Protein backbone atom coordinates (compact mmCIF):
# COMPACT_ATOMS: atom_id res chain seq x y z
CA UNK A 1 0.00 0.00 0.00
CA UNK A 2 2.74 2.46 0.97
CA UNK A 3 4.74 1.75 -2.19
CA UNK A 4 1.75 2.55 -4.39
CA UNK A 5 1.18 5.80 -2.54
CA UNK A 6 4.83 6.81 -2.97
CA UNK A 7 4.83 5.92 -6.67
CA UNK A 8 1.54 7.75 -7.18
CA UNK A 9 2.78 10.83 -5.37
CA UNK A 10 6.05 10.82 -7.34
CA UNK A 11 4.10 10.41 -10.59
CA UNK A 12 1.80 13.31 -9.73
CA UNK A 13 4.78 15.47 -8.76
CA UNK A 14 6.43 14.71 -12.11
CA UNK A 15 3.22 15.49 -14.01
CA UNK A 16 2.73 18.74 -12.11
CA UNK A 17 6.36 19.75 -12.70
CA UNK A 18 5.99 19.30 -16.46
CA UNK A 19 2.65 21.13 -16.39
CA UNK A 20 4.10 24.14 -14.54
CA UNK A 21 7.30 24.35 -16.59
CA UNK A 22 5.27 24.15 -19.79
CA UNK A 23 3.30 27.23 -18.73
CA UNK A 24 6.30 29.21 -17.51
CA UNK A 25 6.98 32.49 -19.25
CA UNK A 26 9.81 34.91 -18.93
CA UNK A 27 9.50 37.29 -15.99
CA UNK A 28 10.12 40.26 -18.28
CA UNK A 29 7.02 39.35 -20.31
CA UNK A 30 4.83 39.09 -17.21
CA UNK A 31 6.13 42.27 -15.63
CA UNK A 32 7.18 40.37 -12.50
CA UNK A 33 10.90 40.65 -13.14
CA UNK A 34 12.86 43.85 -12.61
CA UNK A 35 16.35 44.96 -13.54
CA UNK A 36 19.17 43.91 -11.26
CA UNK A 37 20.33 46.75 -8.96
CA UNK A 38 23.84 48.12 -9.48
CA UNK A 39 24.99 47.01 -6.02
CA UNK A 40 24.12 43.41 -6.88
CA UNK A 41 25.81 43.71 -10.27
CA UNK A 42 28.97 44.90 -8.52
CA UNK A 43 28.96 41.97 -6.05
CA UNK A 44 26.94 39.15 -7.65
CA UNK A 45 28.16 36.40 -5.30
CA UNK A 46 28.30 38.35 -2.05
CA UNK A 47 24.69 39.56 -2.31
CA UNK A 48 23.22 36.32 -3.69
CA UNK A 49 20.91 34.91 -0.98
CA UNK A 50 21.64 31.32 -1.99
CA UNK A 51 25.38 31.74 -1.45
CA UNK A 52 24.78 33.65 1.78
CA UNK A 53 22.55 30.83 3.08
CA UNK A 54 25.16 28.21 2.14
CA UNK A 55 27.90 30.22 3.88
CA UNK A 56 25.82 30.66 7.04
CA UNK A 57 24.86 26.98 7.09
CA UNK A 58 28.51 25.96 6.64
CA UNK A 59 29.59 28.15 9.55
CA UNK A 60 26.79 26.85 11.80
CA UNK A 61 27.45 23.20 10.96
CA UNK A 62 31.18 23.65 11.52
CA UNK A 63 30.51 25.33 14.87
CA UNK A 64 28.18 22.47 15.86
CA UNK A 65 30.81 19.86 14.93
CA UNK A 66 33.49 21.70 16.93
CA UNK A 67 31.09 21.96 19.89
CA UNK A 68 30.39 18.22 19.75
CA UNK A 69 34.12 17.45 19.58
CA UNK A 70 34.75 19.64 22.63
CA UNK A 71 31.93 17.90 24.53
CA UNK A 72 33.12 14.43 23.59
CA UNK A 73 36.86 14.93 24.19
CA UNK A 74 36.74 17.72 26.77
C-alpha cells in the first residue's frame, strides 16, 4: 500500500512539474521581473541569498561539529 502511494505521489509530482514548466513564461514578459540593482551587479556572489545561506549553514554546521568534539573529548 505504501509503495503505491509513494509511486503515485512521485508520478503526480512529475506530471505537475511538467505542467508548470510548460506554462512558464519569462519574468520580463509578465512584468514580474525587474532589472538587477547596481549594487548586486557589482557583487553578484556576495549579495546572492543562496550563497549567503550556504555560507551561514557551513559556519553553523562547523561550529556544531566543533562543539560536539569539545563535549566528547573535553
